[in-house]
Amino acid sequence: MELRLLEYKSYTYTYLLADADTNEAVIIDPVIETVDRDVKLVHDLGLKLIYAANTHVHADHVTGSGSIKKLIPTCKSVIAEVSKAKADVKVNEGDLIKFGKFKLEVRSTPGHTDGCITFVLHEKGLVFTGDALLIRGCGRTDFQQGNPGSLYDSIHKKILSLPQSFYVFPAHDYTGQTMSTVGEELRYNPRLTKPKNEFVEIMKNLNLPYPKQIDKALPANMVCGVFDVPESS
């Protein structure tokens, strides 16, 4: 089972994945404003939420991981080790997040931030790309540890190298699109179809506005979305 959920303020997609046989579930990129909705879904569907995973330390919203852990104490938070953020489980390239008979492969995809990771569900042909690859776009590279050259390499080597039939599920979309495919992005992404040197120039000249929630979101997300999380979590 795979549910796609939207938070309207930051246009963040949250994904709830579950094994229908065991009811074990994982939630990807929860947002603090929609925790009550997400937890209600978990309870209504009789799921056992075992992981709340973030694709990176977000700058445009506060993660819901810490709040979910308070409401579902058996749930563990997950983030990339290189991010240096607090979480119960720190993951690296090639690690597997298992729920029921399924497993999410962790792929390191830096460039938007050093700690960006992509989750691949090979059994279903799904890839959850966070802010690295967006539908017909990509994450910005002008703050945190952004690096356009690294982002280009990450996307082409770790995401667009997957079978073209794989469905792409990003952390955001600002035009209402909910999914793409690897094949579509290889053909139609206006930035990533360019040579690397052109891509780098495009990213250096976007002149994007300062993220509205960054001053609140970054420090909160370094501590699992709440400031009173114990040191061990």
C-alpha atoms as a PDB file:
ATOM      1  CA  MET A   1       0.000   0.000   0.000  1.00  0.00           C
ATOM      2  CA  GLU A   2       1.270   3.462  -0.875  1.00  0.00           C
ATOM      3  CA  LEU A   3      -0.469   6.711   0.062  1.00  0.00           C
ATOM      4  CA  ARG A   4       0.548  10.151  -1.215  1.00  0.00           C
ATOM      5  CA  LEU A   5      -0.311  12.992   1.149  1.00  0.00           C
ATOM      6  CA  LEU A   6       0.088  16.748   0.636  1.00  0.00           C
ATOM      7  CA  GLU A   7       0.901  19.565   3.061  1.00  0.00           C
ATOM      8  CA  TYR A   8      -0.346  22.750   1.419  1.00  0.00           C
ATOM      9  CA  LYS A   9       1.844  25.414   3.079  1.00  0.00           C
ATOM     10  CA  SER A  10       5.176  24.084   1.775  1.00  0.00           C
ATOM     11  CA  TYR A  11       3.731  21.835  -0.949  1.00  0.00           C
ATOM     12  CA  THR A  12       5.442  18.865   0.657  1.00  0.00           C
ATOM     13  CA  TYR A  13       4.472  15.324  -0.254  1.00  0.00           C
ATOM     14  CA  THR A  14       4.471  12.775   2.553  1.00  0.00           C
ATOM     15  CA  TYR A  15       4.430   9.097   1.629  1.00  0.00           C
ATOM     16  CA  LEU A  16       2.953   6.323   3.763  1.00  0.00           C
ATOM     17  CA  LEU A  17       4.094   2.856   2.681  1.00  0.00           C
ATOM     18  CA  ALA A  18       2.853  -0.398   4.198  1.00  0.00           C
ATOM     19  CA  ASP A  19       3.006  -4.145   3.774  1.00  0.00           C
ATOM     20  CA  ALA A  20      -0.614  -5.332   3.654  1.00  0.00           C
ATOM     21  CA  ASP A  21       0.321  -8.722   5.115  1.00  0.00           C
ATOM     22  CA  THR A  22       2.170  -7.585   8.232  1.00  0.00           C
ATOM     23  CA  ASN A  23       0.771  -4.024   8.430  1.00  0.00           C
ATOM     24  CA  GLU A  24       4.299  -2.739   9.064  1.00  0.00           C
ATOM     25  CA  ALA A  25       4.651   0.770   7.660  1.00  0.00           C
ATOM     26  CA  VAL A  26       7.110   3.575   6.928  1.00  0.00           C
ATOM     27  CA  ILE A  27       6.330   7.262   6.527  1.00  0.00           C
ATOM     28  CA  ILE A  28       8.623   9.425   4.382  1.00  0.00           C
ATOM     29  CA  ASP A  29       9.021  13.196   4.925  1.00  0.00           C
ATOM     30  CA  PRO A  30       6.239  13.879   7.441  1.00  0.00           C
ATOM     31  CA  VAL A  31       5.425  17.529   8.189  1.00  0.00           C
ATOM     32  CA  ILE A  32       4.676  18.797  11.700  1.00  0.00           C
ATOM     33  CA  GLU A  33       1.436  20.554  10.645  1.00  0.00           C
ATOM     34  CA  THR A  34      -0.063  17.299   9.333  1.00  0.00           C
ATOM     35  CA  VAL A  35       1.040  14.888  12.066  1.00  0.00           C
ATOM     36  CA  ASP A  36      -2.502  14.472  13.422  1.00  0.00           C
ATOM     37  CA  ARG A  37      -3.762  13.552   9.952  1.00  0.00           C
ATOM     38  CA  ASP A  38      -0.950  11.072   9.397  1.00  0.00           C
ATOM     39  CA  VAL A  39      -1.240   9.397  12.795  1.00  0.00           C
ATOM     40  CA  LYS A  40      -5.013   9.092  12.382  1.00  0.00           C
ATOM     41  CA  LEU A  41      -4.461   7.334   9.056  1.00  0.00           C
ATOM     42  CA  VAL A  42      -2.001   4.938  10.671  1.00  0.00           C
ATOM     43  CA  HIS A  43      -4.530   4.084  13.395  1.00  0.00           C
ATOM     44  CA  ASP A  44      -7.546   3.928  11.064  1.00  0.00           C
ATOM     45  CA  LEU A  45      -5.749   1.523   8.732  1.00  0.00           C
ATOM     46  CA  GLY A  46      -4.461  -0.631  11.569  1.00  0.00           C
ATOM     47  CA  LEU A  47      -0.819  -0.061  10.626  1.00  0.00           C
ATOM     48  CA  LYS A  48       2.305  -0.591  12.710  1.00  0.00           C
ATOM     49  CA  LEU A  49       4.398   2.470  11.938  1.00  0.00           C
ATOM     50  CA  ILE A  50       7.996   1.455  12.560  1.00  0.00           C
ATOM     51  CA  TYR A  51       9.944   4.248  10.823  1.00  0.00           C
ATOM     52  CA  ALA A  52       9.556   7.969  10.112  1.00  0.00           C
ATOM     53  CA  ALA A  53      12.227   8.727   7.516  1.00  0.00           C
ATOM     54  CA  ASN A  54      13.426  12.059   6.190  1.00  0.00           C
ATOM     55  CA  THR A  55      15.136  12.438   2.827  1.00  0.00           C
ATOM     56  CA  HIS A  56      17.257  15.312   4.245  1.00  0.00           C
ATOM     57  CA  VAL A  57      17.298  18.168   6.741  1.00  0.00           C
ATOM     58  CA  HIS A  58      14.533  20.255   5.217  1.00  0.00           C
ATOM     59  CA  ALA A  59      14.688  24.048   5.074  1.00  0.00           C
ATOM     60  CA  ASP A  60      11.103  24.814   4.047  1.00  0.00           C
ATOM     61  CA  HIS A  61       9.161  23.006   6.775  1.00  0.00           C
ATOM     62  CA  VAL A  62       9.609  21.408  10.178  1.00  0.00           C
ATOM     63  CA  THR A  63       9.631  17.620  10.093  1.00  0.00           C
ATOM     64  CA  GLY A  64       6.864  15.725  11.849  1.00  0.00           C
ATOM     65  CA  SER A  65       9.162  12.886  12.934  1.00  0.00           C
ATOM     66  CA  GLY A  66       9.588  13.994  16.542  1.00  0.00           C
ATOM     67  CA  SER A  67       5.873  14.610  17.057  1.00  0.00           C
ATOM     68  CA  ILE A  68       4.990  11.258  15.505  1.00  0.00           C
ATOM     69  CA  LYS A  69       7.408   9.518  17.892  1.00  0.00           C
ATOM     70  CA  LYS A  70       5.602  11.082  20.847  1.00  0.00           C
ATOM     71  CA  LEU A  71       2.266   9.735  19.622  1.00  0.00           C
ATOM     72  CA  ILE A  72       3.635   6.379  18.413  1.00  0.00           C
ATOM     73  CA  PRO A  73       6.561   5.577  20.741  1.00  0.00           C
ATOM     74  CA  THR A  74       7.512   2.409  18.846  1.00  0.00           C
ATOM     75  CA  CYS A  75       8.272   4.460  15.711  1.00  0.00           C
ATOM     76  CA  LYS A  76      11.943   5.261  15.049  1.00  0.00           C
ATOM     77  CA  SER A  77      13.206   8.328  13.213  1.00  0.00           C
ATOM     78  CA  VAL A  78      15.595   7.906  10.267  1.00  0.00           C
ATOM     79  CA  ILE A  79      17.976  10.331   8.567  1.00  0.00           C
ATOM     80  CA  ALA A  80      21.322  10.246   6.757  1.00  0.00           C
ATOM     81  CA  GLU A  81      24.313   9.963   9.077  1.00  0.00           C
ATOM     82  CA  VAL A  82      26.222  12.620   7.145  1.00  0.00           C
ATOM     83  CA  SER A  83      23.485  15.173   7.914  1.00  0.00           C
ATOM     84  CA  LYS A  84      24.630  15.227  11.586  1.00  0.00           C
ATOM     85  CA  ALA A  85      20.982  15.591  12.623  1.00  0.00           C
ATOM     86  CA  LYS A  86      19.517  13.635  15.531  1.00  0.00           C
ATOM     87  CA  ALA A  87      17.591  10.439  14.778  1.00  0.00           C
ATOM     88  CA  ASP A  88      17.188   6.934  16.138  1.00  0.00           C
ATOM     89  CA  VAL A  89      18.593   5.386  12.967  1.00  0.00           C
ATOM     90  CA  LYS A  90      21.408   6.979  10.946  1.00  0.00           C
ATOM     91  CA  VAL A  91      21.673   5.555   7.423  1.00  0.00           C
ATOM     92  CA  ASN A  92      24.305   5.494   4.708  1.00  0.00           C
ATOM     93  CA  GLU A  93      24.623   4.456   1.066  1.00  0.00           C
ATOM     94  CA  GLY A  94      23.349   0.921   0.504  1.00  0.00           C
ATOM     95  CA  ASP A  95      21.526   0.536   3.815  1.00  0.00           C
ATOM     96  CA  LEU A  96      18.073  -1.076   3.774  1.00  0.00           C
ATOM     97  CA  ILE A  97      14.985   0.091   5.652  1.00  0.00           C
ATOM     98  CA  LYS A  98      12.829  -2.995   6.054  1.00  0.00           C
ATOM     99  CA  PHE A  99       9.077  -3.126   6.654  1.00  0.00           C
ATOM    100  CA  GLY A 100       7.294  -6.435   6.256  1.00  0.00           C
ATOM    101  CA  LYS A 101       8.465  -8.134   3.082  1.00  0.00           C
ATOM    102  CA  PHE A 102       9.606  -4.840   1.545  1.00  0.00           C
ATOM    103  CA  LYS A 103      12.806  -2.848   1.856  1.00  0.00           C
ATOM    104  CA  LEU A 104      13.822   0.661   0.881  1.00  0.00           C
ATOM    105  CA  GLU A 105      17.354   0.942  -0.472  1.00  0.00           C
ATOM    106  CA  VAL A 106      19.166   4.079   0.659  1.00  0.00           C
ATOM    107  CA  ARG A 107      21.068   5.950  -2.049  1.00  0.00           C
ATOM    108  CA  SER A 108      23.197   8.956  -1.181  1.00  0.00           C
ATOM    109  CA  THR A 109      22.225  11.838  -3.496  1.00  0.00           C
ATOM    110  CA  PRO A 110      24.023  14.993  -2.268  1.00  0.00           C
ATOM    111  CA  GLY A 111      23.960  18.309  -4.050  1.00  0.00           C
ATOM    112  CA  HIS A 112      20.890  20.000  -2.592  1.00  0.00           C
ATOM    113  CA  THR A 113      22.359  19.219   0.844  1.00  0.00           C
ATOM    114  CA  ASP A 114      25.198  16.887   1.833  1.00  0.00           C
ATOM    115  CA  GLY A 115      22.732  14.654   3.653  1.00  0.00           C
ATOM    116  CA  CYS A 116      20.193  14.138   0.861  1.00  0.00           C
ATOM    117  CA  ILE A 117      19.174  10.532   0.351  1.00  0.00           C
ATOM    118  CA  THR A 118      16.872   8.803  -2.108  1.00  0.00           C
ATOM    119  CA  PHE A 119      14.814   5.738  -1.202  1.00  0.00           C
ATOM    120  CA  VAL A 120      14.318   3.026  -3.840  1.00  0.00           C
ATOM    121  CA  LEU A 121      11.564   0.416  -3.499  1.00  0.00           C
ATOM    122  CA  HIS A 122      12.773  -2.018  -6.140  1.00  0.00           C
ATOM    123  CA  GLU A 123       9.951  -4.515  -5.612  1.00  0.00           C
ATOM    124  CA  LYS A 124       7.377  -1.949  -6.736  1.00  0.00           C
ATOM    125  CA  GLY A 125       9.490   0.152  -9.113  1.00  0.00           C
ATOM    126  CA  LEU A 126       9.207   3.293  -6.995  1.00  0.00           C
ATOM    127  CA  VAL A 127      11.831   5.916  -6.145  1.00  0.00           C
ATOM    128  CA  PHE A 128      11.378   8.633  -3.525  1.00  0.00           C
ATOM    129  CA  THR A 129      13.751  11.427  -4.504  1.00  0.00           C
ATOM    130  CA  GLY A 130      13.317  14.054  -1.795  1.00  0.00           C
ATOM    131  CA  ASP A 131      14.511  17.452  -3.028  1.00  0.00           C
ATOM    132  CA  ALA A 132      17.194  16.039  -5.338  1.00  0.00           C
ATOM    133  CA  LEU A 133      15.022  15.282  -8.367  1.00  0.00           C
ATOM    134  CA  LEU A 134      11.706  17.084  -8.740  1.00  0.00           C
ATOM    135  CA  ILE A 135       9.172  16.687 -11.534  1.00  0.00           C
ATOM    136  CA  ARG A 136      10.733  18.583 -14.462  1.00  0.00           C
ATOM    137  CA  GLY A 137      13.122  20.214 -12.047  1.00  0.00           C
ATOM    138  CA  CYS A 138      15.513  19.659  -9.144  1.00  0.00           C
ATOM    139  CA  GLY A 139      16.350  21.013  -5.709  1.00  0.00           C
ATOM    140  CA  ARG A 140      18.051  24.384  -5.378  1.00  0.00           C
ATOM    141  CA  THR A 141      21.788  24.521  -4.674  1.00  0.00           C
ATOM    142  CA  ASP A 142      22.291  28.042  -3.331  1.00  0.00           C
ATOM    143  CA  PHE A 143      22.191  27.414   0.434  1.00  0.00           C
ATOM    144  CA  GLN A 144      23.036  24.776   3.069  1.00  0.00           C
ATOM    145  CA  GLN A 145      25.674  22.594   1.353  1.00  0.00           C
ATOM    146  CA  GLY A 146      24.347  23.076  -2.158  1.00  0.00           C
ATOM    147  CA  ASN A 147      26.603  22.095  -5.050  1.00  0.00           C
ATOM    148  CA  PRO A 148      25.185  21.960  -8.603  1.00  0.00           C
ATOM    149  CA  GLY A 149      27.909  19.686  -9.948  1.00  0.00           C
ATOM    150  CA  SER A 150      27.353  17.172  -7.161  1.00  0.00           C
ATOM    151  CA  LEU A 151      23.587  17.323  -7.654  1.00  0.00           C
ATOM    152  CA  TYR A 152      23.895  16.650 -11.383  1.00  0.00           C
ATOM    153  CA  ASP A 153      26.104  13.616 -10.745  1.00  0.00           C
ATOM    154  CA  SER A 154      23.860  12.321  -7.958  1.00  0.00           C
ATOM    155  CA  ILE A 155      20.718  12.476 -10.045  1.00  0.00           C
ATOM    156  CA  HIS A 156      22.220  10.925 -13.160  1.00  0.00           C
ATOM    157  CA  LYS A 157      24.190   8.193 -11.383  1.00  0.00           C
ATOM    158  CA  LYS A 158      21.788   7.246  -8.592  1.00  0.00           C
ATOM    159  CA  ILE A 159      18.283   8.046  -9.893  1.00  0.00           C
ATOM    160  CA  LEU A 160      18.147   8.386 -13.672  1.00  0.00           C
ATOM    161  CA  SER A 161      20.216   5.199 -13.965  1.00  0.00           C
ATOM    162  CA  LEU A 162      17.239   3.206 -12.655  1.00  0.00           C
ATOM    163  CA  PRO A 163      14.874   1.481 -15.124  1.00  0.00           C
ATOM    164  CA  GLN A 164      12.922   4.077 -17.082  1.00  0.00           C
ATOM    165  CA  SER A 165       9.636   2.556 -15.919  1.00  0.00           C
ATOM    166  CA  PHE A 166      10.312   3.431 -12.263  1.00  0.00           C
ATOM    167  CA  TYR A 167       7.872   5.963 -10.826  1.00  0.00           C
ATOM    168  CA  VAL A 168       9.426   9.122  -9.381  1.00  0.00           C
ATOM    169  CA  PHE A 169       7.919  10.558  -6.199  1.00  0.00           C
ATOM    170  CA  PRO A 170       9.517  13.866  -5.107  1.00  0.00           C
ATOM    171  CA  ALA A 171       9.282  15.657  -1.764  1.00  0.00           C
ATOM    172  CA  HIS A 172       7.659  18.689  -3.398  1.00  0.00           C
ATOM    173  CA  ASP A 173       5.748  19.862  -6.409  1.00  0.00           C
ATOM    174  CA  TYR A 174       4.496  23.403  -6.858  1.00  0.00           C
ATOM    175  CA  THR A 175       2.299  22.811  -9.915  1.00  0.00           C
ATOM    176  CA  GLY A 176       0.071  19.979  -8.692  1.00  0.00           C
ATOM    177  CA  GLN A 177       1.847  17.070 -10.378  1.00  0.00           C
ATOM    178  CA  THR A 178       2.034  14.007  -8.154  1.00  0.00           C
ATOM    179  CA  MET A 179       4.464  11.699  -9.939  1.00  0.00           C
ATOM    180  CA  SER A 180       6.718  11.212 -12.920  1.00  0.00           C
ATOM    181  CA  THR A 181       8.890   8.398 -14.254  1.00  0.00           C
ATOM    182  CA  VAL A 182      12.619   8.015 -14.738  1.00  0.00           C
ATOM    183  CA  GLY A 183      12.011   7.862 -18.496  1.00  0.00           C
ATOM    184  CA  GLU A 184      10.020  11.096 -18.507  1.00  0.00           C
ATOM    185  CA  GLU A 185      12.698  12.970 -16.578  1.00  0.00           C
ATOM    186  CA  LEU A 186      15.437  11.668 -18.871  1.00  0.00           C
ATOM    187  CA  ARG A 187      13.540  13.050 -21.855  1.00  0.00           C
ATOM    188  CA  TYR A 188      11.736  16.135 -20.605  1.00  0.00           C
ATOM    189  CA  ASN A 189      13.486  17.591 -17.551  1.00  0.00           C
ATOM    190  CA  PRO A 190      14.590  21.018 -18.857  1.00  0.00           C
ATOM    191  CA  ARG A 191      17.623  21.220 -16.570  1.00  0.00           C
ATOM    192  CA  LEU A 192      18.859  17.645 -16.409  1.00  0.00           C
ATOM    193  CA  THR A 193      18.736  17.027 -20.162  1.00  0.00           C
ATOM    194  CA  LYS A 194      21.482  19.651 -20.483  1.00  0.00           C
ATOM    195  CA  PRO A 195      25.223  18.881 -20.337  1.00  0.00           C
ATOM    196  CA  LYS A 196      26.695  19.203 -16.842  1.00  0.00           C
ATOM    197  CA  ASN A 197      28.417  22.545 -17.494  1.00  0.00           C
ATOM    198  CA  GLU A 198      25.141  24.102 -18.726  1.00  0.00           C
ATOM    199  CA  PHE A 199      23.263  22.675 -15.747  1.00  0.00           C
ATOM    200  CA  VAL A 200      25.779  24.241 -13.358  1.00  0.00           C
ATOM    201  CA  GLU A 201      25.356  27.658 -14.996  1.00  0.00           C
ATOM    202  CA  ILE A 202      21.561  27.379 -14.856  1.00  0.00           C
ATOM    203  CA  MET A 203      21.656  26.559 -11.137  1.00  0.00           C
ATOM    204  CA  LYS A 204      24.091  29.391 -10.375  1.00  0.00           C
ATOM    205  CA  ASN A 205      21.779  31.949 -11.958  1.00  0.00           C
ATOM    206  CA  LEU A 206      18.319  31.027 -10.623  1.00  0.00           C
ATOM    207  CA  ASN A 207      18.207  33.983  -8.179  1.00  0.00           C
ATOM    208  CA  LEU A 208      15.622  32.308  -5.962  1.00  0.00           C
ATOM    209  CA  PRO A 209      14.069  34.037  -2.912  1.00  0.00           C
ATOM    210  CA  TYR A 210      15.229  33.182   0.606  1.00  0.00           C
ATOM    211  CA  PRO A 211      13.219  30.190   1.936  1.00  0.00           C
ATOM    212  CA  LYS A 212      10.402  31.514   4.121  1.00  0.00           C
ATOM    213  CA  GLN A 213      10.685  28.956   6.941  1.00  0.00           C
ATOM    214  CA  ILE A 214      14.427  28.285   6.887  1.00  0.00           C
ATOM    215  CA  ASP A 215      15.319  30.114  10.117  1.00  0.00           C
ATOM    216  CA  LYS A 216      12.762  28.045  12.032  1.00  0.00           C
ATOM    217  CA  ALA A 217      13.008  24.796  10.104  1.00  0.00           C
ATOM    218  CA  LEU A 218      16.752  24.154   9.999  1.00  0.00           C
ATOM    219  CA  PRO A 219      17.484  24.246  13.735  1.00  0.00           C
ATOM    220  CA  ALA A 220      14.312  22.293  14.523  1.00  0.00           C
ATOM    221  CA  ASN A 221      15.041  19.629  11.940  1.00  0.00           C
ATOM    222  CA  MET A 222      18.528  19.076  13.325  1.00  0.00           C
ATOM    223  CA  VAL A 223      16.836  17.812  16.493  1.00  0.00           C
ATOM    224  CA  CYS A 224      14.106  15.671  14.902  1.00  0.00           C
ATOM    225  CA  GLY A 225      11.617  18.512  14.604  1.00  0.00           C
ATOM    226  CA  VAL A 226      11.336  19.337  18.324  1.00  0.00           C
ATOM    227  CA  PHE A 227      13.711  21.126  20.690  1.00  0.00           C
ATOM    228  CA  ASP A 228      13.076  18.917  23.724  1.00  0.00           C
ATOM    229  CA  VAL A 229      14.141  15.586  22.214  1.00  0.00           C
ATOM    230  CA  PRO A 230      16.525  13.643  24.527  1.00  0.00           C
ATOM    231  CA  GLU A 231      20.160  13.513  23.446  1.00  0.00           C
ATOM    232  CA  SER A 232      19.944   9.812  22.581  1.00  0.00           C
ATOM    233  CA  SER A 233      17.108  10.227  20.055  1.00  0.00           C
END
